[in-house]
Protein backbone atom coordinates (compact mmCIF):
# COMPACT_ATOMS: atom_id res chain seq x y z
CA MET A 1 53.50 114.53 -10.56
CA GLU A 2 49.86 115.51 -11.15
CA TYR A 3 49.14 119.09 -12.18
CA GLU A 4 46.00 121.22 -12.02
CA ILE A 5 44.99 123.84 -14.58
CA VAL A 6 43.71 127.14 -13.19
CA MET A 7 41.97 129.61 -15.49
CA GLY A 8 40.13 132.90 -15.39
CA LEU A 9 38.34 134.47 -18.36
CA GLU A 10 37.99 138.00 -19.69
CA VAL A 11 35.05 138.00 -22.09
CA HIS A 12 34.58 141.05 -24.33
CA VAL A 13 31.02 141.52 -25.56
CA GLU A 14 30.07 144.32 -27.95
CA LEU A 15 26.81 145.98 -26.93
CA SER A 16 23.73 146.21 -29.17
CA THR A 17 23.62 149.98 -29.53
CA GLU A 18 22.92 151.96 -32.68
CA SER A 19 25.84 154.32 -32.10
CA LYS A 20 29.30 154.17 -30.56
CA LEU A 21 30.13 154.72 -26.91
CA PHE A 22 31.19 158.36 -27.08
CA CYS A 23 30.07 159.64 -30.51
CA SER A 24 27.15 159.31 -32.93
CA CYS A 25 28.89 157.09 -35.51
CA SER A 26 27.11 153.84 -36.32
CA ALA A 27 28.17 150.81 -34.27
CA LYS A 28 26.77 148.32 -36.79
CA PHE A 29 28.90 145.50 -38.17
CA GLY A 30 29.52 145.01 -41.89
CA ALA A 31 30.30 148.48 -43.27
CA ALA A 32 33.09 149.19 -45.75
CA GLN A 33 36.48 149.90 -44.18
CA ASN A 34 36.59 153.19 -42.25
CA GLU A 35 33.02 154.08 -43.27
CA HIS A 36 31.79 154.63 -39.71
CA VAL A 37 34.40 157.04 -38.41
CA CYS A 38 34.55 160.66 -37.35
CA PRO A 39 37.19 162.95 -35.77
CA ALA A 40 36.33 161.49 -32.34
CA CYS A 41 36.85 157.89 -33.58
CA CYS A 42 40.18 158.88 -35.09
CA GLY A 43 41.42 160.53 -31.93
CA MET A 44 41.46 164.11 -33.19
CA PRO A 45 42.11 166.67 -30.43
CA GLY A 46 39.30 168.81 -29.06
CA MET A 47 36.55 166.22 -29.54
CA PRO A 48 34.58 165.83 -26.26
CA ALA A 49 33.34 162.37 -25.32
CA VAL A 50 29.56 162.14 -24.76
CA LEU A 51 28.48 158.91 -23.02
CA ASN A 52 25.90 156.65 -24.67
CA LYS A 53 23.07 156.12 -22.13
CA LYS A 54 21.90 152.91 -23.84
CA ALA A 55 25.33 151.34 -23.24
CA VAL A 56 25.01 151.98 -19.51
CA GLU A 57 21.52 150.43 -19.47
CA LEU A 58 22.77 147.33 -21.29
CA GLY A 59 25.56 147.12 -18.72
CA ILE A 60 22.91 147.18 -15.97
CA ILE A 61 21.03 144.35 -17.69
CA ALA A 62 24.24 142.31 -17.93
CA GLY A 63 24.71 142.84 -14.19
CA LEU A 64 21.17 141.70 -13.40
CA LEU A 65 21.55 138.59 -15.56
CA THR A 66 24.81 137.62 -13.85
CA ASN A 67 23.58 138.19 -10.28
CA SER A 68 26.03 141.07 -9.85
CA GLU A 69 26.04 144.07 -7.54
CA ILE A 70 25.36 147.20 -9.59
CA ALA A 71 27.38 150.23 -8.49
CA PRO A 72 25.45 153.32 -7.31
CA LYS A 73 28.04 155.51 -9.03
CA ILE A 74 30.36 154.72 -11.94
CA THR A 75 33.32 156.57 -13.40
CA PHE A 76 35.45 156.22 -16.51
CA ASP A 77 39.22 156.08 -16.69
CA LYS A 78 42.01 156.28 -19.25
CA LYS A 79 44.11 153.17 -19.89
CA ASN A 80 47.28 154.30 -21.59
CA TYR A 81 49.10 152.22 -24.18
CA PHE A 82 50.39 152.83 -27.68
CA TYR A 83 49.17 150.55 -30.44
CA PRO A 84 48.11 151.39 -34.02
CA ASP A 85 44.48 150.30 -33.51
CA LEU A 86 44.05 152.82 -30.69
CA PRO A 87 44.21 156.28 -32.32
CA THR A 88 44.03 158.32 -29.10
CA GLY A 89 46.92 156.48 -27.41
CA TYR A 90 44.56 155.48 -24.58
CA GLN A 91 41.38 153.46 -24.11
CA ILE A 92 38.43 154.79 -22.14
CA THR A 93 37.46 152.05 -19.70
CA GLN A 94 36.54 151.51 -16.03
CA LEU A 95 39.04 150.55 -13.35
CA PHE A 96 38.26 152.45 -10.16
CA ALA A 97 34.42 152.28 -10.24
CA PRO A 98 33.14 149.61 -12.68
CA ILE A 99 29.43 149.17 -13.27
CA CYS A 100 29.17 145.67 -11.71
CA LYS A 101 31.00 143.58 -9.13
CA ASN A 102 30.74 140.22 -7.33
CA GLY A 103 28.44 138.34 -9.69
CA HIS A 104 28.08 134.64 -10.30
CA ILE A 105 26.84 132.25 -12.98
CA GLU A 106 25.87 128.61 -12.48
CA ILE A 107 26.97 126.21 -15.20
CA ASP A 108 26.03 122.59 -15.91
CA THR A 109 28.99 120.21 -16.40
CA SER A 110 29.45 116.44 -16.69
CA LYS A 111 30.29 116.42 -12.99
CA GLY A 112 27.26 118.46 -11.98
CA LEU A 113 26.53 122.13 -11.33
CA LYS A 114 29.39 124.54 -10.72
CA THR A 115 29.28 128.21 -9.72
CA ILE A 116 31.63 130.60 -11.52
CA THR A 117 32.18 133.84 -9.62
CA LEU A 118 32.76 137.17 -11.33
CA LYS A 119 35.20 139.81 -10.19
CA GLN A 120 33.54 142.59 -12.17
CA ILE A 121 31.89 143.81 -15.36
CA HIS A 122 33.07 147.08 -16.81
CA ILE A 123 32.16 149.20 -19.82
CA GLU A 124 34.82 150.28 -22.29
CA GLU A 125 35.35 151.29 -25.90
CA ASP A 126 36.59 148.78 -28.44
CA ALA A 127 39.76 149.29 -30.45
CA GLY A 128 40.10 149.36 -34.22
CA LYS A 129 40.97 146.31 -36.31
CA LEU A 130 44.39 145.60 -37.80
CA VAL A 131 44.44 143.82 -41.16
CA HIS A 132 47.82 142.26 -41.94
CA ASP A 133 48.72 141.84 -45.62
CA ASN A 134 51.42 139.18 -45.75
CA ARG A 135 52.00 139.64 -49.48
CA SER A 136 52.99 143.29 -49.23
CA GLY A 137 54.28 143.12 -45.66
CA THR A 138 51.98 145.98 -44.62
CA THR A 139 49.32 146.42 -41.98
CA LEU A 140 46.08 148.30 -42.67
CA ILE A 141 43.78 149.75 -40.00
CA ASP A 142 39.98 149.78 -40.00
CA TYR A 143 38.60 152.18 -37.37
CA ASN A 144 34.94 151.18 -37.80
CA ARG A 145 35.18 149.17 -34.58
CA ALA A 146 37.06 151.90 -32.68
CA GLY A 147 34.72 153.35 -30.06
CA VAL A 148 32.09 150.60 -30.32
CA PRO A 149 30.76 150.03 -26.78
CA LEU A 150 31.51 146.74 -25.07
CA ILE A 151 31.45 145.18 -21.66
CA GLU A 152 34.30 143.12 -20.32
CA ILE A 153 33.15 140.33 -18.01
CA VAL A 154 36.03 139.34 -15.74
CA SER A 155 35.75 136.05 -13.89
CA ASN A 156 37.75 134.83 -10.93
CA PRO A 157 40.16 131.91 -11.58
CA ASP A 158 37.43 129.30 -11.03
CA PHE A 159 37.91 127.16 -14.16
CA ARG A 160 39.79 123.85 -14.07
CA ASN A 161 39.19 122.45 -17.57
CA SER A 162 38.01 123.45 -21.04
CA GLU A 163 34.59 121.82 -20.54
CA GLN A 164 33.82 124.34 -17.79
CA VAL A 165 35.08 127.19 -19.98
CA ILE A 166 32.84 126.25 -22.92
CA ALA A 167 29.82 125.69 -20.64
CA TYR A 168 30.35 129.16 -19.14
CA LEU A 169 30.77 130.88 -22.52
CA THR A 170 27.69 129.11 -23.89
CA LYS A 171 25.66 130.22 -20.87
CA LEU A 172 26.87 133.81 -21.21
CA GLN A 173 26.11 133.82 -24.92
CA LYS A 174 22.54 132.67 -24.32
CA LEU A 175 21.92 135.01 -21.38
CA LEU A 176 23.14 138.12 -23.20
CA SER A 177 21.76 137.41 -26.68
CA PHE A 178 18.28 136.57 -25.35
CA ALA A 179 18.17 139.81 -23.40
CA LYS A 180 19.44 141.64 -26.53
CA VAL A 181 22.47 142.97 -24.66
CA SER A 182 24.55 141.77 -27.62
CA ASP A 183 24.14 139.49 -30.62
CA CYS A 184 27.21 137.59 -29.28
CA LYS A 185 28.25 136.53 -32.79
CA MET A 186 31.72 135.16 -32.23
CA GLN A 187 32.33 134.86 -35.99
CA GLU A 188 31.85 138.64 -36.30
CA GLY A 189 33.98 139.44 -33.26
CA SER A 190 31.12 140.74 -31.12
CA MET A 191 32.05 138.15 -28.46
CA ARG A 192 35.75 137.45 -27.84
CA CYS A 193 37.57 135.71 -25.06
CA ASP A 194 40.95 136.08 -23.34
CA VAL A 195 42.03 133.06 -21.28
CA ASN A 196 44.33 133.61 -18.31
CA ILE A 197 45.90 130.24 -17.64
CA SER A 198 48.36 128.84 -15.12
CA VAL A 199 49.34 125.39 -13.86
CA ARG A 200 50.16 124.24 -10.34
CA LYS A 201 50.83 120.97 -8.55
CA LYS A 202 47.66 119.24 -7.43
CA GLY A 203 46.81 120.31 -3.90
CA GLU A 204 48.80 123.56 -3.92
CA LYS A 205 47.01 126.81 -3.06
CA LYS A 206 49.47 129.24 -4.62
CA TYR A 207 48.82 130.16 -8.24
CA GLY A 208 51.40 129.37 -10.90
CA VAL A 209 52.91 131.73 -13.46
CA ARG A 210 50.11 133.12 -15.60
CA THR A 211 49.93 133.63 -19.34
CA GLU A 212 47.08 135.31 -21.19
CA ILE A 213 45.87 133.95 -24.55
CA LYS A 214 44.26 136.87 -26.39
CA ASN A 215 41.25 137.46 -28.59
CA MET A 216 39.82 134.03 -29.42
CA ASN A 217 36.43 133.92 -31.08
CA SER A 218 35.50 130.25 -31.48
CA TYR A 219 34.91 127.46 -29.00
CA LYS A 220 37.10 125.09 -30.98
CA ALA A 221 40.03 127.51 -30.95
CA ILE A 222 39.61 128.09 -27.21
CA GLU A 223 39.66 124.35 -26.48
CA ARG A 224 42.75 123.80 -28.62
CA ALA A 225 44.56 126.79 -27.13
CA ILE A 226 43.89 125.59 -23.56
CA ALA A 227 45.12 122.09 -24.44
CA PHE A 228 48.34 123.38 -26.01
CA GLU A 229 49.14 126.04 -23.42
CA SER A 230 48.50 123.82 -20.39
CA ALA A 231 50.72 121.10 -21.93
CA ARG A 232 53.42 123.74 -22.59
CA HIS A 233 53.31 124.89 -18.95
CA ILE A 234 53.53 121.33 -17.63
CA GLU A 235 56.43 120.51 -19.96
CA ILE A 236 58.41 123.55 -18.78
CA LEU A 237 57.68 122.86 -15.12
CA THR A 238 58.61 119.19 -15.49
CA SER A 239 61.75 119.53 -17.60
CA LYS A 240 63.02 122.73 -15.90
CA LYS A 241 64.96 123.50 -19.09
CA GLU A 242 63.63 127.05 -19.18
CA GLU A 243 61.82 129.50 -16.98
CA LEU A 244 58.08 130.02 -17.32
CA THR A 245 57.40 133.75 -17.74
CA GLN A 246 54.30 135.88 -17.39
CA GLU A 247 53.37 136.98 -20.88
CA THR A 248 50.60 137.63 -23.39
CA ARG A 249 50.30 135.04 -26.16
CA GLY A 250 48.33 134.69 -29.36
CA PHE A 251 46.89 131.50 -30.82
CA ASP A 252 47.70 130.24 -34.33
CA ASP A 253 44.65 128.29 -35.45
CA ASN A 254 46.52 126.77 -38.38
CA ASN A 255 49.05 124.84 -36.32
CA GLY A 256 47.16 124.74 -33.03
CA GLU A 257 49.91 126.48 -31.06
CA THR A 258 50.20 129.64 -28.99
CA TYR A 259 53.00 132.14 -29.65
CA PRO A 260 54.48 135.00 -27.58
CA MET A 261 53.21 138.53 -28.24
CA ARG A 262 54.59 140.63 -25.39
CA SER A 263 55.42 140.45 -21.71
CA LYS A 264 52.25 140.44 -19.60
CA GLU A 265 51.50 143.88 -18.20
CA ASP A 266 50.15 144.67 -14.76
CA ALA A 267 47.71 147.49 -13.98
CA HIS A 268 50.46 149.97 -13.09
CA ASP A 269 52.00 149.53 -16.57
CA TYR A 270 48.92 151.16 -18.11
CA ARG A 271 49.13 154.32 -15.95
CA TYR A 272 45.37 154.41 -15.30
CA PHE A 273 43.92 157.73 -14.26
CA PRO A 274 40.35 159.13 -14.03
CA ASN A 275 39.02 160.63 -17.24
CA PRO A 276 38.24 164.27 -16.37
CA GLU A 277 36.11 164.74 -19.50
CA ILE A 278 33.40 162.29 -18.44
CA PRO A 279 31.55 163.10 -15.22
CA PRO A 280 30.53 160.32 -12.79
CA VAL A 281 27.20 158.63 -13.54
CA GLU A 282 24.81 157.88 -10.68
CA ILE A 283 22.71 154.73 -11.02
CA SER A 284 19.64 154.95 -8.82
CA ASP A 285 17.47 152.06 -7.65
CA LYS A 286 14.65 153.59 -9.67
CA TRP A 287 16.73 153.49 -12.86
CA ILE A 288 17.70 149.87 -12.20
CA SER A 289 14.02 148.96 -11.69
CA GLU A 290 13.05 150.68 -14.94
CA VAL A 291 15.76 148.80 -16.83
CA ALA A 292 14.83 145.48 -15.17
CA SER A 293 11.19 145.89 -16.24
CA LYS A 294 12.32 145.88 -19.88
CA ILE A 295 14.01 142.48 -19.64
CA SER A 296 11.98 139.88 -21.49
CA GLU A 297 11.78 136.21 -20.50
CA THR A 298 15.28 134.87 -19.92
CA PHE A 299 16.49 131.86 -21.87
CA GLU A 300 16.48 129.78 -18.66
CA ALA A 301 12.83 130.61 -17.97
CA LYS A 302 11.92 129.94 -21.60
CA TYR A 303 13.76 126.59 -21.53
CA THR A 304 11.81 125.51 -18.44
CA ARG A 305 8.53 126.68 -19.95
CA TYR A 306 9.13 124.83 -23.22
CA LEU A 307 9.87 121.64 -21.28
CA ASN A 308 6.91 121.84 -18.95
CA GLU A 309 4.25 123.62 -21.00
CA PHE A 310 4.92 122.18 -24.45
CA GLY A 311 6.40 118.80 -23.55
CA LEU A 312 9.45 119.22 -25.79
CA THR A 313 12.59 117.18 -25.24
CA LYS A 314 15.68 118.75 -23.65
CA GLN A 315 17.52 118.43 -26.94
CA ASP A 316 14.73 120.18 -28.85
CA CYS A 317 14.66 123.00 -26.28
CA GLU A 318 18.42 123.48 -26.48
CA ILE A 319 18.38 123.67 -30.28
CA LEU A 320 15.40 126.03 -30.43
CA ILE A 321 16.69 128.35 -27.73
CA ALA A 322 20.14 128.51 -29.32
CA ASN A 323 19.04 131.71 -31.08
CA ILE A 324 16.26 134.23 -31.01
CA GLY A 325 15.24 133.68 -34.64
CA ALA A 326 14.24 130.06 -34.04
CA VAL A 327 12.28 131.05 -30.93
CA LYS A 328 10.36 133.73 -32.82
CA ILE A 329 9.39 131.34 -35.63
CA PHE A 330 8.43 128.63 -33.12
CA GLU A 331 6.18 130.97 -31.15
CA ASP A 332 4.67 132.42 -34.34
CA LEU A 333 3.77 128.91 -35.51
CA ILE A 334 2.14 128.15 -32.16
CA SER A 335 0.13 131.37 -32.43
CA PHE A 336 -1.29 129.97 -35.71
CA SER A 337 -2.48 126.85 -33.83
CA ILE A 338 0.36 124.56 -34.90
CA ALA A 339 1.05 121.88 -32.28
CA PRO A 340 4.31 122.72 -30.40
CA LYS A 341 5.91 119.33 -31.16
CA ASP A 342 5.08 119.66 -34.86
CA ALA A 343 6.47 123.21 -34.94
CA ALA A 344 9.69 122.18 -33.20
CA ASN A 345 10.13 119.15 -35.47
CA TRP A 346 9.75 121.18 -38.66
CA ILE A 347 12.12 123.93 -37.50
CA ILE A 348 14.83 121.54 -36.30
CA THR A 349 14.50 118.80 -38.94
CA ASP A 350 13.70 120.87 -42.04
CA LEU A 351 13.98 124.64 -41.70
CA LEU A 352 17.49 124.84 -40.17
CA GLY A 353 18.88 122.50 -42.82
CA LEU A 354 17.25 124.43 -45.67
CA LEU A 355 18.55 127.75 -44.34
CA LYS A 356 22.05 126.30 -44.21
CA THR A 357 21.69 125.19 -47.84
CA GLU A 358 20.44 128.65 -48.81
CA LYS A 359 23.23 130.27 -46.73
CA LYS A 360 20.71 132.33 -44.77
CA ASP A 361 20.68 133.27 -41.10
CA ILE A 362 17.54 132.31 -39.19
CA GLU A 363 17.63 135.60 -37.29
CA SER A 364 17.51 137.69 -40.44
CA VAL A 365 15.35 135.54 -42.75
CA GLU A 366 11.89 136.88 -43.56
CA LEU A 367 9.51 133.95 -43.34
CA ASP A 368 5.73 134.11 -43.47
CA CYS A 369 4.94 131.81 -40.56
CA LYS A 370 1.25 131.67 -41.44
CA LYS A 371 2.22 130.08 -44.76
CA PHE A 372 4.80 127.89 -43.02
CA GLY A 373 2.03 126.72 -40.70
CA LYS A 374 -0.17 125.99 -43.72
CA ILE A 375 2.52 123.67 -45.12
CA ILE A 376 2.73 121.83 -41.79
CA GLU A 377 -1.05 121.41 -41.66
CA LEU A 378 -1.27 120.15 -45.25
CA VAL A 379 1.32 117.47 -44.47
CA LYS A 380 -0.44 116.52 -41.24
CA GLN A 381 -3.76 116.21 -43.08
CA ASN A 382 -2.09 113.96 -45.71
CA LYS A 383 -2.92 116.42 -48.48
CA ILE A 384 0.77 116.61 -49.45
CA ASN A 385 3.66 114.40 -48.38
CA ARG A 386 6.60 115.54 -46.25
CA ASP A 387 9.08 115.76 -49.13
CA ILE A 388 6.77 118.03 -51.11
CA GLY A 389 6.14 120.09 -47.97
CA LYS A 390 9.88 120.55 -47.51
CA ALA A 391 10.32 121.53 -51.17
CA VAL A 392 7.55 124.13 -50.87
CA LEU A 393 9.13 125.47 -47.66
CA GLN A 394 12.39 125.94 -49.55
CA LEU A 395 10.52 127.99 -52.19
CA LEU A 396 8.88 130.03 -49.41
CA ILE A 397 12.31 130.84 -47.93
CA LYS A 398 13.35 132.20 -51.33
CA ASP A 399 10.06 134.02 -52.01
CA ASN A 400 7.89 135.07 -49.08
CA ALA A 401 5.10 136.06 -51.51
CA LEU A 402 4.65 132.46 -52.74
CA ASP A 403 0.99 131.40 -53.02
CA ILE A 404 1.27 127.87 -51.62
CA GLU A 405 -2.12 126.53 -52.73
CA LYS A 406 -1.79 127.91 -56.27
CA HIS A 407 1.68 126.38 -56.54
CA LEU A 408 0.48 122.97 -55.35
CA THR A 409 -2.52 123.01 -57.70
CA ALA A 410 -0.58 124.26 -60.73
CA ASN A 411 2.07 121.58 -60.30
CA ASN A 412 -0.40 118.79 -59.40
CA LEU A 413 1.37 118.13 -56.08
CA TYR A 414 -1.57 117.22 -53.86
CA ILE A 415 -1.75 113.58 -52.76
CA SER A 416 -3.89 111.60 -55.18
CA SER A 417 -7.02 109.90 -53.82
CA ASN A 418 -7.77 108.10 -57.11
CA THR A 419 -7.67 104.48 -55.90
CA GLU A 420 -8.40 103.01 -59.36
CA GLU A 421 -5.37 104.71 -60.87
CA LEU A 422 -3.29 103.74 -57.85
CA GLN A 423 -4.40 100.11 -58.11
CA ASP A 424 -3.26 99.97 -61.75
CA ILE A 425 0.16 101.36 -60.77
CA ILE A 426 0.57 98.86 -57.91
CA GLN A 427 -0.42 95.90 -60.06
CA THR A 428 1.96 96.97 -62.85
CA ILE A 429 4.89 97.27 -60.43
CA ILE A 430 4.12 93.86 -58.85
CA LYS A 431 3.94 92.28 -62.33
CA GLU A 432 7.30 93.85 -63.24
CA ASN A 433 8.89 92.47 -60.05
CA PRO A 434 7.64 88.88 -59.60
CA LYS A 435 10.56 87.68 -57.44
CA PRO A 436 10.02 90.20 -54.54
CA ALA A 437 6.28 89.39 -54.75
CA GLU A 438 7.03 85.69 -54.26
CA GLU A 439 9.33 86.53 -51.33
CA PHE A 440 6.52 88.46 -49.65
CA ARG A 441 4.09 85.57 -50.07
CA ALA A 442 6.77 83.30 -48.59
CA GLY A 443 6.77 85.45 -45.44
CA ASN A 444 9.42 88.13 -46.15
CA GLU A 445 7.58 91.35 -45.28
CA LYS A 446 10.75 93.46 -45.67
CA VAL A 447 10.15 93.56 -49.44
CA LEU A 448 7.23 95.93 -48.78
CA THR A 449 9.79 98.71 -48.44
CA PHE A 450 11.04 97.94 -51.96
CA PHE A 451 7.53 98.11 -53.40
CA MET A 452 6.63 101.26 -51.45
CA GLY A 453 9.67 103.03 -52.88
CA ARG A 454 8.82 102.03 -56.46
CA ILE A 455 5.19 103.07 -56.07
CA MET A 456 5.98 106.45 -54.51
CA LYS A 457 8.46 107.10 -57.29
CA ALA A 458 5.88 106.16 -59.94
CA THR A 459 3.32 108.50 -58.37
CA LYS A 460 5.94 111.27 -57.93
CA GLY A 461 5.29 111.17 -54.20
CA LYS A 462 1.63 112.12 -54.56
CA ALA A 463 0.15 108.87 -53.28
CA ASP A 464 -0.97 108.57 -49.67
CA PRO A 465 1.56 106.18 -48.05
CA LYS A 466 -1.11 104.80 -45.72
CA ILE A 467 -3.47 103.96 -48.58
CA VAL A 468 -0.58 102.57 -50.64
CA GLY A 469 0.40 100.28 -47.77
CA GLU A 470 -3.12 98.95 -47.30
CA MET A 471 -3.67 98.36 -51.01
CA LEU A 472 -0.23 96.81 -51.51
CA ASN A 473 -0.78 94.30 -48.72
CA LYS A 474 -4.19 93.34 -50.09
CA ILE A 475 -3.05 92.93 -53.71
CA LEU A 476 0.07 90.95 -52.75
CA ALA A 477 -1.98 88.66 -50.53
CA ASP A 478 -4.45 87.79 -53.33
């Protein structure tokens, strides 16, 4: 019997606001535990909730980017459940009048384009973070994240395999991070995914029993969880040794298996009701137009422009547009008259690798692109070789104040144009290696690579490879 996997996603994306959704505490990631909290965050009575306007505007942008209908009026509701990371005993969210409905996103898969439809996007506050200490058997709570604004993007059950899921999440990540709706850093928890998964016989229309895999924040974990859970469903349906139940499950990344957390709740279990403390918010066409005018070039438009205007390859475009930091450096280099292909090559081949070595994030690194451009030009003009250029770039990453020309002069790193000195070096190396020289004269031109390596090493990389090649051929031929 052939089975079909059916999945829908709930993607939680923390919004790029300075403050939390209903108070003035900082929403920034990375603070010490419980540093960004106040009586409102901790659920103290008598603390009125004041809505963050920027969060609503970012929700509008998310709706525009996902081709969604933006509601003319939104309201907020209370979702009631008791859990230690939720100090009030309820979460402020949107059920009855969410900010967006009926959107869609087109994804590119190995079998062609596929449209994923969205049920809705709603704004809600995040919960705190539980930290489990297995040694002491205790659980600690960090409320820094409690009240941080997020949007939940709820898709319809349009996914049939993990490839489609990853393509969709990648597209969302690019759309939202480029528009600065969120930084979408999965490793920091600012983008998390719940997968609702069921299995049915191929050709059936009725959905199977659904389980929800909660709070995954890496593509690899999501793929593994889908593979395990779908296989578990099929095994139960095939063997009929137990009954498949609707439940919420977690994913253990260590053993690659899901595990039960609790029975899966329905909407009525949360006892939703309108929040009387937060008045309805009207979203006019004028407001939507004002917000839309602030949206910069989307990643899709930029991708097309880079392909057509700069003649970059698809692979280069995908790597560059993977984050805003690379795009900024690329466009800064172009503004300093660096050829687009040269700029892309240096960023992808050299800069990204060096930043990884230095354990620095390209979005946060301070890099003087005028000096970076100078390095590229010096290499292109054969004044320094590529290895030296890369070494100087590494120094520039560490010290933005580096004087490149002084450094090159002080360390005698410019390519030598002294042909007499170079001739002596070449002749010495040929004399020290008579056998490869004989092989060359017998017709084996591959030995040139051997000689080139020895000569460049002897000159500490300062010789012009083109001149070396010409002189080497001439001397060997004599």
